[in-house]
Amino acid sequence: MHGCGGPPGHSEWIGRLNGWGYATYYIDSFTARNLKHVCAERQFKGAERVDDAYAALAHLRTRADVLADRIGLIGFSHGASATAYVVRADNAARAGVPPFAAAVAYYGGCRNERVQLATDLLILIGEADDWANAKACPRMLERQDIEYNEATANDSFVRTKAFFDQRLKR
């Protein structure tokens, strides 16, 4: 799921995943809503993109060339916030379909709250991020039940800010 700057983007990640043998499907949450950029105004929240992700999941599960039980979700920045909402158990139950197999949230921040997850969530964030709330991640993990704590991982990168993944080259 793309960031607050909207599509296009993440072609490097799409190429990398394709190169590793994974199929990719780019979820555009902005064009149909006539949005281009929501970084400054924050008028469109990540939670409002949950239905987009589950519509894509339902579509992908109809395809013969996709393993229906092996579909994951990756979100970046605003899309990472959306990803964190998508994998919440209440949102998965509301969608009425089995959840994503796994999810990764790149520099999306954390909320200092207890949540129940429907699937594994890996949160990757820079500790020096001046945009996302990295400091809430350890507190959020502490609030989870043991079983959810094991399903949630938080890797923070010391002295790094957002977009650290764009510097990683193979």
N, C-alpha and C. Protein backbone atom coordinates (compact mmCIF):
# COMPACT_ATOMS: atom_id res chain seq x y z
N MET A 1 0.86 -1.17 0.00
CA MET A 1 0.00 0.00 0.00
C MET A 1 0.90 1.23 0.00
N HIS A 2 0.59 2.16 -0.89
CA HIS A 2 1.44 3.33 -1.09
C HIS A 2 1.34 4.31 0.07
N GLY A 3 2.27 5.25 0.08
CA GLY A 3 2.32 6.26 1.12
C GLY A 3 1.39 7.43 0.85
N CYS A 4 1.52 8.47 1.67
CA CYS A 4 0.63 9.62 1.59
C CYS A 4 0.81 10.44 0.32
N GLY A 5 1.94 10.24 -0.38
CA GLY A 5 2.15 10.92 -1.65
C GLY A 5 1.41 10.27 -2.81
N GLY A 6 0.80 9.13 -2.52
CA GLY A 6 0.00 8.43 -3.51
C GLY A 6 0.82 7.69 -4.54
N PRO A 7 0.12 7.07 -5.48
CA PRO A 7 0.82 6.37 -6.55
C PRO A 7 1.32 7.38 -7.57
N PRO A 8 2.23 7.09 -8.43
CA PRO A 8 2.94 5.82 -8.51
C PRO A 8 4.07 5.78 -7.49
N GLY A 9 4.63 4.64 -7.34
CA GLY A 9 5.75 4.52 -6.43
C GLY A 9 6.07 3.08 -6.14
N HIS A 10 7.16 2.90 -5.47
CA HIS A 10 7.59 1.59 -4.99
C HIS A 10 7.93 0.62 -6.11
N SER A 11 8.30 1.15 -7.28
CA SER A 11 8.66 0.26 -8.40
C SER A 11 9.88 -0.59 -8.04
N GLU A 12 10.78 -0.05 -7.23
CA GLU A 12 11.94 -0.83 -6.82
C GLU A 12 11.51 -2.05 -6.00
N TRP A 13 10.58 -1.85 -5.09
CA TRP A 13 10.09 -2.97 -4.28
C TRP A 13 9.31 -3.97 -5.13
N ILE A 14 8.51 -3.48 -6.05
CA ILE A 14 7.75 -4.37 -6.92
C ILE A 14 8.72 -5.23 -7.72
N GLY A 15 9.75 -4.61 -8.29
CA GLY A 15 10.76 -5.35 -9.04
C GLY A 15 11.51 -6.35 -8.18
N ARG A 16 11.84 -5.94 -6.96
CA ARG A 16 12.56 -6.83 -6.05
C ARG A 16 11.70 -8.05 -5.71
N LEU A 17 10.45 -7.82 -5.35
CA LEU A 17 9.56 -8.94 -5.01
C LEU A 17 9.32 -9.85 -6.20
N ASN A 18 9.11 -9.26 -7.38
CA ASN A 18 8.94 -10.07 -8.59
C ASN A 18 10.19 -10.90 -8.86
N GLY A 19 11.35 -10.29 -8.65
CA GLY A 19 12.62 -11.00 -8.85
C GLY A 19 12.79 -12.17 -7.90
N TRP A 20 12.19 -12.07 -6.73
CA TRP A 20 12.25 -13.16 -5.75
C TRP A 20 11.19 -14.22 -6.02
N GLY A 21 10.37 -14.02 -7.05
CA GLY A 21 9.35 -15.00 -7.41
C GLY A 21 7.97 -14.73 -6.87
N TYR A 22 7.76 -13.54 -6.30
CA TYR A 22 6.45 -13.18 -5.76
C TYR A 22 5.66 -12.37 -6.78
N ALA A 23 4.39 -12.66 -6.89
CA ALA A 23 3.51 -11.82 -7.69
C ALA A 23 3.17 -10.59 -6.86
N THR A 24 2.94 -9.46 -7.51
CA THR A 24 2.58 -8.24 -6.79
C THR A 24 1.31 -7.65 -7.37
N TYR A 25 0.60 -6.93 -6.53
CA TYR A 25 -0.63 -6.26 -6.93
C TYR A 25 -0.63 -4.92 -6.21
N TYR A 26 -0.64 -3.85 -6.95
CA TYR A 26 -0.50 -2.51 -6.38
C TYR A 26 -1.88 -1.94 -6.07
N ILE A 27 -2.14 -1.64 -4.82
CA ILE A 27 -3.43 -1.10 -4.40
C ILE A 27 -3.36 0.43 -4.43
N ASP A 28 -4.12 1.03 -5.32
CA ASP A 28 -4.19 2.49 -5.45
C ASP A 28 -5.43 2.97 -4.70
N SER A 29 -5.22 3.57 -3.55
CA SER A 29 -6.34 4.05 -2.74
C SER A 29 -6.74 5.49 -3.05
N PHE A 30 -6.01 6.16 -3.93
CA PHE A 30 -6.25 7.60 -4.12
C PHE A 30 -7.00 7.96 -5.39
N THR A 31 -6.66 7.35 -6.51
CA THR A 31 -7.19 7.80 -7.80
C THR A 31 -8.72 7.81 -7.83
N ALA A 32 -9.36 6.74 -7.39
CA ALA A 32 -10.83 6.69 -7.42
C ALA A 32 -11.46 7.72 -6.48
N ARG A 33 -10.69 8.19 -5.50
CA ARG A 33 -11.19 9.20 -4.55
C ARG A 33 -10.76 10.62 -4.94
N ASN A 34 -10.13 10.75 -6.10
CA ASN A 34 -9.61 12.03 -6.57
C ASN A 34 -8.63 12.67 -5.59
N LEU A 35 -7.82 11.84 -4.96
CA LEU A 35 -6.78 12.31 -4.05
C LEU A 35 -5.44 12.19 -4.74
N LYS A 36 -4.54 13.12 -4.44
CA LYS A 36 -3.20 13.05 -5.00
C LYS A 36 -2.14 13.00 -3.91
N HIS A 37 -2.35 13.72 -2.83
CA HIS A 37 -1.33 13.87 -1.79
C HIS A 37 -2.06 14.21 -0.49
N VAL A 38 -1.86 13.42 0.54
CA VAL A 38 -2.55 13.68 1.81
C VAL A 38 -1.58 13.83 2.98
N CYS A 39 -0.31 14.05 2.69
CA CYS A 39 0.69 14.12 3.76
C CYS A 39 0.47 15.31 4.69
N ALA A 40 0.28 16.49 4.16
CA ALA A 40 0.18 17.68 4.99
C ALA A 40 -1.19 17.80 5.66
N GLU A 41 -2.23 17.53 4.91
CA GLU A 41 -3.58 17.74 5.44
C GLU A 41 -4.06 16.61 6.35
N ARG A 42 -3.59 15.42 6.06
CA ARG A 42 -4.00 14.22 6.81
C ARG A 42 -5.53 14.08 6.87
N GLN A 43 -6.18 14.47 5.79
CA GLN A 43 -7.64 14.38 5.75
C GLN A 43 -8.13 12.97 5.45
N PHE A 44 -7.23 12.11 5.02
CA PHE A 44 -7.59 10.74 4.67
C PHE A 44 -6.74 9.82 5.53
N LYS A 45 -7.35 9.11 6.45
CA LYS A 45 -6.63 8.29 7.42
C LYS A 45 -6.36 6.89 6.88
N GLY A 46 -5.31 6.26 7.41
CA GLY A 46 -4.98 4.90 7.02
C GLY A 46 -6.12 3.92 7.26
N ALA A 47 -6.87 4.15 8.33
CA ALA A 47 -8.00 3.26 8.65
C ALA A 47 -9.06 3.26 7.55
N GLU A 48 -9.10 4.32 6.76
CA GLU A 48 -10.09 4.41 5.68
C GLU A 48 -9.71 3.58 4.46
N ARG A 49 -8.55 2.93 4.51
CA ARG A 49 -8.09 2.13 3.38
C ARG A 49 -8.27 0.63 3.61
N VAL A 50 -8.83 0.25 4.74
CA VAL A 50 -9.00 -1.18 5.07
C VAL A 50 -9.81 -1.89 4.00
N ASP A 51 -10.91 -1.31 3.58
CA ASP A 51 -11.75 -1.96 2.57
C ASP A 51 -11.02 -2.15 1.24
N ASP A 52 -10.13 -1.21 0.90
CA ASP A 52 -9.34 -1.35 -0.33
C ASP A 52 -8.50 -2.63 -0.28
N ALA A 53 -7.86 -2.85 0.86
CA ALA A 53 -7.00 -4.02 1.00
C ALA A 53 -7.80 -5.32 0.92
N TYR A 54 -8.95 -5.36 1.59
CA TYR A 54 -9.75 -6.58 1.56
C TYR A 54 -10.41 -6.81 0.20
N ALA A 55 -10.72 -5.74 -0.53
CA ALA A 55 -11.23 -5.91 -1.90
C ALA A 55 -10.14 -6.51 -2.79
N ALA A 56 -8.91 -6.03 -2.63
CA ALA A 56 -7.79 -6.60 -3.39
C ALA A 56 -7.56 -8.06 -3.02
N LEU A 57 -7.63 -8.35 -1.73
CA LEU A 57 -7.45 -9.73 -1.26
C LEU A 57 -8.52 -10.65 -1.87
N ALA A 58 -9.77 -10.22 -1.85
CA ALA A 58 -10.85 -11.03 -2.43
C ALA A 58 -10.61 -11.25 -3.92
N HIS A 59 -10.20 -10.19 -4.62
CA HIS A 59 -9.92 -10.32 -6.05
C HIS A 59 -8.78 -11.32 -6.30
N LEU A 60 -7.70 -11.17 -5.56
CA LEU A 60 -6.55 -12.05 -5.77
C LEU A 60 -6.89 -13.51 -5.50
N ARG A 61 -7.77 -13.75 -4.57
CA ARG A 61 -8.15 -15.13 -4.25
C ARG A 61 -8.98 -15.78 -5.35
N THR A 62 -9.47 -15.02 -6.30
CA THR A 62 -10.23 -15.59 -7.42
C THR A 62 -9.31 -16.02 -8.56
N ARG A 63 -8.06 -15.63 -8.50
CA ARG A 63 -7.13 -15.90 -9.59
C ARG A 63 -6.49 -17.27 -9.44
N ALA A 64 -6.47 -18.02 -10.52
CA ALA A 64 -5.90 -19.36 -10.51
C ALA A 64 -4.38 -19.34 -10.34
N ASP A 65 -3.74 -18.22 -10.72
CA ASP A 65 -2.29 -18.14 -10.63
C ASP A 65 -1.79 -17.61 -9.29
N VAL A 66 -2.69 -17.48 -8.31
CA VAL A 66 -2.33 -16.97 -6.98
C VAL A 66 -2.67 -18.02 -5.93
N LEU A 67 -1.74 -18.27 -5.03
CA LEU A 67 -2.01 -19.17 -3.90
C LEU A 67 -2.82 -18.39 -2.87
N ALA A 68 -4.09 -18.71 -2.77
CA ALA A 68 -5.04 -17.92 -1.99
C ALA A 68 -4.68 -17.80 -0.51
N ASP A 69 -4.00 -18.79 0.04
CA ASP A 69 -3.67 -18.75 1.46
C ASP A 69 -2.26 -18.21 1.72
N ARG A 70 -1.62 -17.65 0.69
CA ARG A 70 -0.24 -17.15 0.82
C ARG A 70 -0.13 -15.69 0.39
N ILE A 71 -1.18 -14.93 0.57
CA ILE A 71 -1.17 -13.52 0.15
C ILE A 71 -0.80 -12.65 1.33
N GLY A 72 0.25 -11.84 1.13
CA GLY A 72 0.70 -10.93 2.17
C GLY A 72 0.41 -9.49 1.78
N LEU A 73 0.65 -8.59 2.72
CA LEU A 73 0.39 -7.17 2.50
C LEU A 73 1.60 -6.38 2.98
N ILE A 74 2.06 -5.44 2.17
CA ILE A 74 3.15 -4.54 2.54
C ILE A 74 2.64 -3.11 2.38
N GLY A 75 2.89 -2.30 3.40
CA GLY A 75 2.51 -0.89 3.35
C GLY A 75 3.68 -0.01 3.71
N PHE A 76 3.72 1.17 3.09
CA PHE A 76 4.79 2.13 3.31
C PHE A 76 4.20 3.43 3.84
N SER A 77 4.70 3.92 4.97
CA SER A 77 4.29 5.19 5.55
C SER A 77 2.77 5.22 5.80
N HIS A 78 2.04 6.04 5.08
CA HIS A 78 0.57 6.08 5.21
C HIS A 78 -0.01 4.69 4.95
N GLY A 79 0.56 3.99 3.98
CA GLY A 79 0.13 2.62 3.67
C GLY A 79 0.48 1.64 4.79
N ALA A 80 1.55 1.93 5.53
CA ALA A 80 1.90 1.09 6.68
C ALA A 80 0.87 1.27 7.80
N SER A 81 0.44 2.51 7.99
CA SER A 81 -0.63 2.76 8.96
C SER A 81 -1.88 2.00 8.55
N ALA A 82 -2.20 2.05 7.26
CA ALA A 82 -3.36 1.31 6.75
C ALA A 82 -3.18 -0.19 6.98
N THR A 83 -1.98 -0.70 6.71
CA THR A 83 -1.68 -2.12 6.90
C THR A 83 -1.92 -2.54 8.34
N ALA A 84 -1.48 -1.71 9.28
CA ALA A 84 -1.68 -2.03 10.70
C ALA A 84 -3.16 -2.12 11.05
N TYR A 85 -3.98 -1.30 10.41
CA TYR A 85 -5.43 -1.39 10.62
C TYR A 85 -6.01 -2.62 9.94
N VAL A 86 -5.52 -2.94 8.76
CA VAL A 86 -6.04 -4.07 8.00
C VAL A 86 -5.92 -5.37 8.78
N VAL A 87 -4.80 -5.57 9.47
CA VAL A 87 -4.55 -6.85 10.14
C VAL A 87 -5.17 -6.94 11.54
N ARG A 88 -5.87 -5.93 11.96
CA ARG A 88 -6.57 -6.00 13.25
C ARG A 88 -7.69 -7.04 13.14
N ALA A 89 -7.86 -7.81 14.17
CA ALA A 89 -8.85 -8.90 14.16
C ALA A 89 -10.26 -8.39 13.89
N ASP A 90 -10.62 -7.23 14.45
CA ASP A 90 -11.97 -6.71 14.23
C ASP A 90 -12.21 -6.35 12.77
N ASN A 91 -11.20 -5.81 12.10
CA ASN A 91 -11.35 -5.48 10.68
C ASN A 91 -11.38 -6.73 9.81
N ALA A 92 -10.57 -7.72 10.16
CA ALA A 92 -10.60 -8.98 9.42
C ALA A 92 -11.95 -9.66 9.56
N ALA A 93 -12.51 -9.66 10.75
CA ALA A 93 -13.82 -10.28 10.98
C ALA A 93 -14.90 -9.54 10.20
N ARG A 94 -14.82 -8.22 10.19
CA ARG A 94 -15.80 -7.41 9.46
C ARG A 94 -15.73 -7.67 7.96
N ALA A 95 -14.53 -7.94 7.45
CA ALA A 95 -14.35 -8.22 6.02
C ALA A 95 -15.00 -9.54 5.63
N GLY A 96 -15.11 -10.45 6.58
CA GLY A 96 -15.79 -11.71 6.31
C GLY A 96 -15.00 -12.69 5.46
N VAL A 97 -13.70 -12.50 5.35
CA VAL A 97 -12.84 -13.41 4.60
C VAL A 97 -11.63 -13.74 5.46
N PRO A 98 -10.97 -14.87 5.18
CA PRO A 98 -9.74 -15.14 5.93
C PRO A 98 -8.75 -13.99 5.74
N PRO A 99 -7.98 -13.67 6.76
CA PRO A 99 -7.08 -12.52 6.67
C PRO A 99 -5.87 -12.78 5.78
N PHE A 100 -5.09 -11.76 5.59
CA PHE A 100 -3.82 -11.89 4.88
C PHE A 100 -2.94 -12.88 5.63
N ALA A 101 -2.04 -13.55 4.92
CA ALA A 101 -1.15 -14.54 5.55
C ALA A 101 -0.12 -13.86 6.44
N ALA A 102 0.30 -12.67 6.08
CA ALA A 102 1.28 -11.90 6.87
C ALA A 102 1.25 -10.47 6.38
N ALA A 103 1.84 -9.57 7.16
CA ALA A 103 1.87 -8.16 6.78
C ALA A 103 3.16 -7.51 7.27
N VAL A 104 3.62 -6.52 6.49
CA VAL A 104 4.80 -5.74 6.83
C VAL A 104 4.42 -4.26 6.75
N ALA A 105 4.76 -3.52 7.81
CA ALA A 105 4.50 -2.09 7.86
C ALA A 105 5.84 -1.35 7.91
N TYR A 106 6.18 -0.67 6.82
CA TYR A 106 7.42 0.10 6.76
C TYR A 106 7.16 1.54 7.19
N TYR A 107 7.85 1.96 8.23
CA TYR A 107 7.82 3.32 8.78
C TYR A 107 6.42 3.93 8.83
N GLY A 108 5.52 3.21 9.48
CA GLY A 108 4.17 3.71 9.62
C GLY A 108 3.83 4.17 11.03
N GLY A 109 4.69 3.88 11.97
CA GLY A 109 4.41 4.29 13.34
C GLY A 109 3.55 3.28 14.07
N CYS A 110 3.34 3.54 15.33
CA CYS A 110 2.53 2.66 16.18
C CYS A 110 1.58 3.51 17.01
N ARG A 111 0.57 2.87 17.50
CA ARG A 111 -0.38 3.53 18.40
C ARG A 111 -0.22 2.88 19.77
N ASN A 112 -0.28 3.68 20.78
CA ASN A 112 -0.12 3.20 22.14
C ASN A 112 -1.44 2.61 22.63
N GLU A 113 -1.80 1.47 22.05
CA GLU A 113 -3.06 0.84 22.42
C GLU A 113 -2.94 -0.67 22.30
N ARG A 114 -3.85 -1.35 22.90
CA ARG A 114 -3.89 -2.81 22.82
C ARG A 114 -4.77 -3.19 21.65
N VAL A 115 -4.24 -4.02 20.78
CA VAL A 115 -5.00 -4.49 19.63
C VAL A 115 -4.87 -6.00 19.51
N GLN A 116 -5.86 -6.60 18.94
CA GLN A 116 -5.83 -8.02 18.65
C GLN A 116 -5.60 -8.16 17.16
N LEU A 117 -4.60 -8.95 16.79
CA LEU A 117 -4.25 -9.10 15.39
C LEU A 117 -4.81 -10.38 14.80
N ALA A 118 -5.17 -10.31 13.51
CA ALA A 118 -5.66 -11.49 12.80
C ALA A 118 -4.53 -12.23 12.12
N THR A 119 -3.39 -11.60 11.97
CA THR A 119 -2.25 -12.21 11.29
C THR A 119 -0.96 -11.60 11.81
N ASP A 120 0.16 -12.18 11.43
CA ASP A 120 1.46 -11.67 11.84
C ASP A 120 1.71 -10.30 11.20
N LEU A 121 2.31 -9.41 12.00
CA LEU A 121 2.62 -8.06 11.54
C LEU A 121 4.06 -7.74 11.91
N LEU A 122 4.87 -7.42 10.92
CA LEU A 122 6.24 -6.98 11.13
C LEU A 122 6.26 -5.47 10.94
N ILE A 123 6.68 -4.74 11.97
CA ILE A 123 6.75 -3.29 11.91
C ILE A 123 8.23 -2.91 11.79
N LEU A 124 8.60 -2.22 10.72
CA LEU A 124 9.96 -1.76 10.50
C LEU A 124 9.94 -0.24 10.53
N ILE A 125 10.69 0.34 11.47
CA ILE A 125 10.63 1.78 11.65
C ILE A 125 11.97 2.30 12.15
N GLY A 126 12.30 3.52 11.78
CA GLY A 126 13.53 4.16 12.26
C GLY A 126 13.26 4.86 13.57
N GLU A 127 14.12 4.64 14.54
CA GLU A 127 13.92 5.26 15.86
C GLU A 127 13.98 6.77 15.80
N ALA A 128 14.70 7.33 14.85
CA ALA A 128 14.81 8.78 14.73
C ALA A 128 13.77 9.35 13.77
N ASP A 129 12.79 8.56 13.39
CA ASP A 129 11.76 9.02 12.46
C ASP A 129 11.04 10.22 13.06
N ASP A 130 11.00 11.32 12.32
CA ASP A 130 10.34 12.52 12.82
C ASP A 130 8.92 12.67 12.27
N TRP A 131 8.44 11.64 11.63
CA TRP A 131 7.10 11.66 11.06
C TRP A 131 6.20 10.64 11.75
N ALA A 132 6.67 9.42 11.84
CA ALA A 132 5.88 8.34 12.46
C ALA A 132 6.22 8.24 13.95
N ASN A 133 5.32 7.67 14.71
CA ASN A 133 5.49 7.55 16.16
C ASN A 133 6.20 6.25 16.51
N ALA A 134 7.53 6.27 16.45
CA ALA A 134 8.31 5.07 16.76
C ALA A 134 8.31 4.76 18.25
N LYS A 135 8.23 5.78 19.08
CA LYS A 135 8.31 5.58 20.53
C LYS A 135 7.13 4.78 21.08
N ALA A 136 6.00 4.79 20.39
CA ALA A 136 4.83 4.05 20.87
C ALA A 136 4.91 2.56 20.57
N CYS A 137 5.82 2.14 19.68
CA CYS A 137 5.88 0.73 19.29
C CYS A 137 6.19 -0.20 20.47
N PRO A 138 7.22 0.05 21.27
CA PRO A 138 7.46 -0.85 22.40
C PRO A 138 6.29 -0.88 23.39
N ARG A 139 5.67 0.27 23.61
CA ARG A 139 4.51 0.31 24.52
C ARG A 139 3.34 -0.48 23.95
N MET A 140 3.13 -0.38 22.64
CA MET A 140 2.06 -1.13 22.00
C MET A 140 2.30 -2.63 22.15
N LEU A 141 3.54 -3.06 21.94
CA LEU A 141 3.87 -4.48 22.07
C LEU A 141 3.67 -4.97 23.49
N GLU A 142 4.03 -4.16 24.46
CA GLU A 142 3.86 -4.53 25.87
C GLU A 142 2.39 -4.74 26.23
N ARG A 143 1.51 -4.04 25.57
CA ARG A 143 0.07 -4.12 25.87
C ARG A 143 -0.60 -5.37 25.29
N GLN A 144 0.09 -6.07 24.40
CA GLN A 144 -0.52 -7.22 23.73
C GLN A 144 -0.49 -8.44 24.62
N ASP A 145 -1.42 -9.34 24.38
CA ASP A 145 -1.38 -10.65 25.03
C ASP A 145 -0.17 -11.38 24.50
N ILE A 146 0.30 -12.38 25.25
CA ILE A 146 1.49 -13.15 24.86
C ILE A 146 1.35 -13.69 23.44
N GLU A 147 0.20 -14.29 23.12
CA GLU A 147 0.06 -14.88 21.79
C GLU A 147 0.16 -13.84 20.69
N TYR A 148 -0.30 -12.63 20.95
CA TYR A 148 -0.21 -11.59 19.94
C TYR A 148 1.18 -10.97 19.92
N ASN A 149 1.82 -10.96 21.07
CA ASN A 149 3.18 -10.47 21.13
C ASN A 149 4.08 -11.32 20.25
N GLU A 150 3.86 -12.64 20.25
CA GLU A 150 4.66 -13.52 19.41
C GLU A 150 4.35 -13.32 17.93
N ALA A 151 3.16 -12.87 17.61
CA ALA A 151 2.77 -12.68 16.21
C ALA A 151 3.16 -11.29 15.70
N THR A 152 3.67 -10.45 16.59
CA THR A 152 4.02 -9.09 16.22
C THR A 152 5.50 -8.88 16.46
N ALA A 153 6.15 -8.34 15.49
CA ALA A 153 7.57 -8.02 15.66
C ALA A 153 7.76 -6.55 15.35
N ASN A 154 8.67 -5.93 16.06
CA ASN A 154 9.00 -4.53 15.82
C ASN A 154 10.50 -4.42 15.70
N ASP A 155 10.98 -4.13 14.53
CA ASP A 155 12.40 -3.90 14.33
C ASP A 155 12.59 -2.41 14.09
N SER A 156 13.30 -1.77 15.00
CA SER A 156 13.58 -0.36 14.81
C SER A 156 15.06 -0.21 14.48
N PHE A 157 15.34 0.77 13.67
CA PHE A 157 16.70 1.01 13.23
C PHE A 157 17.18 2.30 13.87
N VAL A 158 18.18 2.17 14.71
CA VAL A 158 18.69 3.29 15.49
C VAL A 158 19.24 4.37 14.55
N ARG A 159 18.95 5.62 14.89
CA ARG A 159 19.44 6.80 14.16
C ARG A 159 18.99 6.82 12.70
N THR A 160 17.88 6.20 12.38
CA THR A 160 17.38 6.26 11.01
C THR A 160 16.02 6.93 11.00
N LYS A 161 15.70 7.52 9.88
CA LYS A 161 14.42 8.17 9.69
C LYS A 161 13.60 7.36 8.69
N ALA A 162 12.50 7.89 8.26
CA ALA A 162 11.65 7.21 7.28
C ALA A 162 12.39 7.04 5.97
N PHE A 163 11.94 6.11 5.17
CA PHE A 163 12.46 5.80 3.84
C PHE A 163 13.84 5.15 3.88
N PHE A 164 14.20 4.56 5.01
CA PHE A 164 15.51 3.89 5.12
C PHE A 164 15.61 2.72 4.15
N ASP A 165 14.51 2.10 3.77
CA ASP A 165 14.56 0.94 2.87
C ASP A 165 15.03 1.34 1.48
N GLN A 166 14.89 2.58 1.10
CA GLN A 166 15.29 3.00 -0.23
C GLN A 166 16.80 3.07 -0.36
N ARG A 167 17.51 3.04 0.73
CA ARG A 167 18.96 3.06 0.68
C ARG A 167 19.54 1.65 0.61
N LEU A 168 18.73 0.65 0.87
CA LEU A 168 19.21 -0.72 0.86
C LEU A 168 19.29 -1.21 -0.57
N LYS A 169 20.44 -1.65 -0.96
CA LYS A 169 20.63 -2.18 -2.31
C LYS A 169 21.14 -3.60 -2.20
N ARG A 170 20.73 -4.41 -3.14
CA ARG A 170 21.16 -5.81 -3.15
C ARG A 170 22.53 -5.96 -3.70
